[in-house]
Amino acid sequence: MKNTAINHNIGVLAYPGAQKSAIYGLVDLLSIADSVRKEGDNTGSALTPVIIESFGEDLSAHQDLAAIIIPPSLEKDLGNSSFEVITRWLKARHDQGVLICSVCAGAFILAKTGLIEGRTITTHWMFEEQFRNDYPNIDLNINKLIVDDGDIVTAGGLSAWMDLGLFLVGRFTSPSIMLNTARIFLVDIKGREQSFFSTFTPNYNHGDKPIVKAQRWAQQHFSSAMSVSDLSDQASLSRRTFIRRFKKATHLNPSEYIQQLRIAKAKEGLELTNERIEAIAWSVGYEDVSAFRRIFQKSTGLSPTAYRQRFSVAEENANPINSGESF
């Protein structure tokens, strides 16, 4: 079969003090995931890991990236002035729509960019006090292994690079490729963080900054009521201009985009938790559960219950009243 894969370059930032085992582990994990893809139907999104020697080469040479990972470290003095060239480069890439990720103490470098002011992230528990003191305006959730904030993804522990790597495999390829990669690494995802899959990956890499701003706002507020006017206000554009530019950038009209974003989050809930269907519907912004079921069926071809039965990887220890639809 002809290879129709779209390639995603995933940058791994080899900064001074970064754990080499994580750098090369991520390269191996992403490479193995791509081998899993090739052994399947050889279509879909390809993954190419790229090690970026932050002080050994010109950072401007690395432009064509889908994501950048700031690996873990045990150093406590990250984010100082010697890292300014890295943080400026990271911010510039983020402005172009590149997904930025950090693991463990890599969050200190991420914080230095200013990109996570007022946002929720995670880092290693042993850095909690220092991080809170250094960055009081950042919401630190130390209990989460992975925090997915759309355009920023953070992972907690020193070995959470594996969880982040699997997250990216799921995000850029498919849940099945992620699961098969996890099996190769003998990782049981059932008991791990519940944010691995997303079948809808928003495209931020289209170059229209006002639309990116609206997308990022939608990513953070999808569970609340929102209108096209709310989104156009975020982009500081007239409603008509916003709709035209949004559709050109994302290939969806705003209402379709929000619906896909909500359905993708609902799929995660169905795949990875035993929450009631009603609770999942409410958590993604649907007050009318009947409407949610109709939209979900139309979007996926399956009812929420049928989707859960087919794709769930949650622990099968909940009783029926807590895990299925109400009849």
Foldseek 3Di string as FASTA:
>chain_A
DDQAAAEAEEEEEPEPQFDPCLSVVLQVLLVVLQVLCCVPPNYFYHYHYDYDDPPPDDPVVPQRHQEYEHAAGPDPPPLDPVCVVVLVSVLVNVLLPHAYEYAAVSVSSVVSNVPQFQHEEEHEPVCVVVCCVVRVRGHYDHPAQWDCLQSYIYGYDNPSSLVVSLLVSQQRGNPVSSVVSCVVVVHQCQPHGLRRHFPDRFGLNQRLNLLSQLVSVCSNCQLEDDDLVNSCVSSVHDSVVNQVVNCVRGVDGPVVVSLSSLLRQLLSCLARHQAELCVSCNRRHHPDSVVVQVSNCVVPVDGSQVSSVVRHSHDPPDDPVGRYYDD
